C-alpha atoms as a PDB file:
ATOM      1  CA  UNK A   1      14.649  14.567 -14.107  1.00  0.00           C
ATOM      2  CA  UNK A   2      12.606  17.356 -12.638  1.00  0.00           C
ATOM      3  CA  UNK A   3       9.427  16.619 -10.773  1.00  0.00           C
ATOM      4  CA  UNK A   4       6.243  17.634 -12.512  1.00  0.00           C
ATOM      5  CA  UNK A   5       2.562  17.560 -11.884  1.00  0.00           C
ATOM      6  CA  UNK A   6       0.352  15.523 -14.105  1.00  0.00           C
ATOM      7  CA  UNK A   7      -3.205  14.331 -14.193  1.00  0.00           C
ATOM      8  CA  UNK A   8      -4.809  11.333 -15.707  1.00  0.00           C
ATOM      9  CA  UNK A   9      -8.205  10.076 -16.703  1.00  0.00           C
ATOM     10  CA  UNK A  10      -9.512   6.700 -17.738  1.00  0.00           C
ATOM     11  CA  UNK A  11     -11.811   6.633 -20.735  1.00  0.00           C
ATOM     12  CA  UNK A  12     -13.101   3.424 -22.262  1.00  0.00           C
ATOM     13  CA  UNK A  13     -10.513   1.439 -20.275  1.00  0.00           C
ATOM     14  CA  UNK A  14      -7.696   3.585 -21.723  1.00  0.00           C
ATOM     15  CA  UNK A  15      -5.368   5.547 -19.483  1.00  0.00           C
ATOM     16  CA  UNK A  16      -4.847   9.121 -20.653  1.00  0.00           C
ATOM     17  CA  UNK A  17      -2.001  11.005 -18.956  1.00  0.00           C
ATOM     18  CA  UNK A  18      -1.735  14.762 -19.377  1.00  0.00           C
ATOM     19  CA  UNK A  19       1.933  15.776 -19.350  1.00  0.00           C
ATOM     20  CA  UNK A  20       3.412  19.268 -19.591  1.00  0.00           C
ATOM     21  CA  UNK A  21       4.308  20.445 -23.105  1.00  0.00           C
ATOM     22  CA  UNK A  22       8.001  20.693 -22.217  1.00  0.00           C
ATOM     23  CA  UNK A  23       8.164  17.139 -20.809  1.00  0.00           C
ATOM     24  CA  UNK A  24      11.094  15.127 -22.159  1.00  0.00           C
ATOM     25  CA  UNK A  25      12.127  11.727 -20.919  1.00  0.00           C
ATOM     26  CA  UNK A  26      14.858   9.258 -21.672  1.00  0.00           C
ATOM     27  CA  UNK A  27      13.062   6.456 -19.845  1.00  0.00           C
ATOM     28  CA  UNK A  28       9.433   5.587 -19.392  1.00  0.00           C
ATOM     29  CA  UNK A  29       7.807   4.334 -16.221  1.00  0.00           C
ATOM     30  CA  UNK A  30       5.097   1.772 -16.759  1.00  0.00           C
ATOM     31  CA  UNK A  31       1.809   2.075 -14.962  1.00  0.00           C
ATOM     32  CA  UNK A  32      -0.091  -1.163 -14.572  1.00  0.00           C
ATOM     33  CA  UNK A  33      -3.774  -0.889 -13.874  1.00  0.00           C
ATOM     34  CA  UNK A  34      -5.857  -3.860 -12.760  1.00  0.00           C
ATOM     35  CA  UNK A  35      -7.788  -5.437 -15.576  1.00  0.00           C
ATOM     36  CA  UNK A  36     -10.547  -6.647 -13.317  1.00  0.00           C
ATOM     37  CA  UNK A  37     -12.060  -5.587 -10.046  1.00  0.00           C
ATOM     38  CA  UNK A  38     -10.640  -7.431  -7.088  1.00  0.00           C
ATOM     39  CA  UNK A  39     -11.955  -7.331  -3.553  1.00  0.00           C
ATOM     40  CA  UNK A  40      -9.417  -6.580  -0.793  1.00  0.00           C
ATOM     41  CA  UNK A  41     -10.848  -9.599   1.050  1.00  0.00           C
ATOM     42  CA  UNK A  42      -9.250 -11.861  -1.565  1.00  0.00           C
ATOM     43  CA  UNK A  43      -5.771 -10.684  -0.490  1.00  0.00           C
ATOM     44  CA  UNK A  44      -6.139 -11.530   3.220  1.00  0.00           C
ATOM     45  CA  UNK A  45      -4.059 -14.308   4.748  1.00  0.00           C
ATOM     46  CA  UNK A  46      -5.643 -17.314   6.434  1.00  0.00           C
ATOM     47  CA  UNK A  47      -4.562 -15.876   9.795  1.00  0.00           C
ATOM     48  CA  UNK A  48      -6.318 -12.584   9.051  1.00  0.00           C
ATOM     49  CA  UNK A  49      -9.471 -14.393   7.942  1.00  0.00           C
ATOM     50  CA  UNK A  50      -9.413 -16.489  11.145  1.00  0.00           C
ATOM     51  CA  UNK A  51      -9.054 -13.320  13.229  1.00  0.00           C
ATOM     52  CA  UNK A  52     -12.068 -11.787  11.494  1.00  0.00           C
ATOM     53  CA  UNK A  53     -14.062 -14.965  12.126  1.00  0.00           C
ATOM     54  CA  UNK A  54     -13.136 -14.870  15.839  1.00  0.00           C
ATOM     55  CA  UNK A  55     -14.245 -11.236  16.037  1.00  0.00           C
ATOM     56  CA  UNK A  56     -17.554 -12.012  14.343  1.00  0.00           C
ATOM     57  CA  UNK A  57     -18.067 -14.935  16.735  1.00  0.00           C
ATOM     58  CA  UNK A  58     -17.346 -12.650  19.707  1.00  0.00           C
ATOM     59  CA  UNK A  59     -19.898 -10.162  18.396  1.00  0.00           C
ATOM     60  CA  UNK A  60     -22.495 -12.867  17.778  1.00  0.00           C
ATOM     61  CA  UNK A  61     -22.051 -14.260  21.306  1.00  0.00           C
ATOM     62  CA  UNK A  62     -22.080 -10.925  23.122  1.00  0.00           C
ATOM     63  CA  UNK A  63     -18.384 -10.885  24.014  1.00  0.00           C
ATOM     64  CA  UNK A  64     -18.091  -7.153  23.378  1.00  0.00           C
ATOM     65  CA  UNK A  65     -17.398  -3.956  25.312  1.00  0.00           C
ATOM     66  CA  UNK A  66     -18.856  -0.569  24.537  1.00  0.00           C
ATOM     67  CA  UNK A  67     -16.575   2.351  23.818  1.00  0.00           C
ATOM     68  CA  UNK A  68     -17.945   4.018  26.941  1.00  0.00           C
ATOM     69  CA  UNK A  69     -17.029   1.005  29.123  1.00  0.00           C
ATOM     70  CA  UNK A  70     -13.497   0.862  27.732  1.00  0.00           C
ATOM     71  CA  UNK A  71     -12.948   4.601  28.261  1.00  0.00           C
ATOM     72  CA  UNK A  72     -14.295   4.359  31.811  1.00  0.00           C
ATOM     73  CA  UNK A  73     -11.971   1.432  32.574  1.00  0.00           C
ATOM     74  CA  UNK A  74      -8.935   3.274  31.209  1.00  0.00           C
ATOM     75  CA  UNK A  75      -9.836   6.390  33.164  1.00  0.00           C
ATOM     76  CA  UNK A  76     -10.152   4.337  36.380  1.00  0.00           C
ATOM     77  CA  UNK A  77      -6.764   2.677  35.785  1.00  0.00           C
ATOM     78  CA  UNK A  78      -5.099   6.042  35.258  1.00  0.00           C
ATOM     79  CA  UNK A  79      -6.663   7.488  38.398  1.00  0.00           C
ATOM     80  CA  UNK A  80      -5.667   4.431  40.451  1.00  0.00           C
ATOM     81  CA  UNK A  81      -2.114   4.606  39.117  1.00  0.00           C
ATOM     82  CA  UNK A  82      -1.894   8.306  40.057  1.00  0.00           C
ATOM     83  CA  UNK A  83      -3.053   7.535  43.599  1.00  0.00           C
ATOM     84  CA  UNK A  84      -0.110   5.195  43.926  1.00  0.00           C
END
């Protein structure tokens, strides 16, 4: 089957796909759209949620580094490594 461009819109919870006039198919691919809104947070594993909680705790307790501090530290390490 040749590749083709198509567009789609959703109106009143109905998917409308605009196909070229010369489109012919012997099989149909099924597109499944979610029936309800789902937050990405609901799909996180317990390990991922624990990691987020640790990060929030670090932030709350001041265990953070500014971007400027990190860049300065990396720059110093590179310079020290070049000096030998």
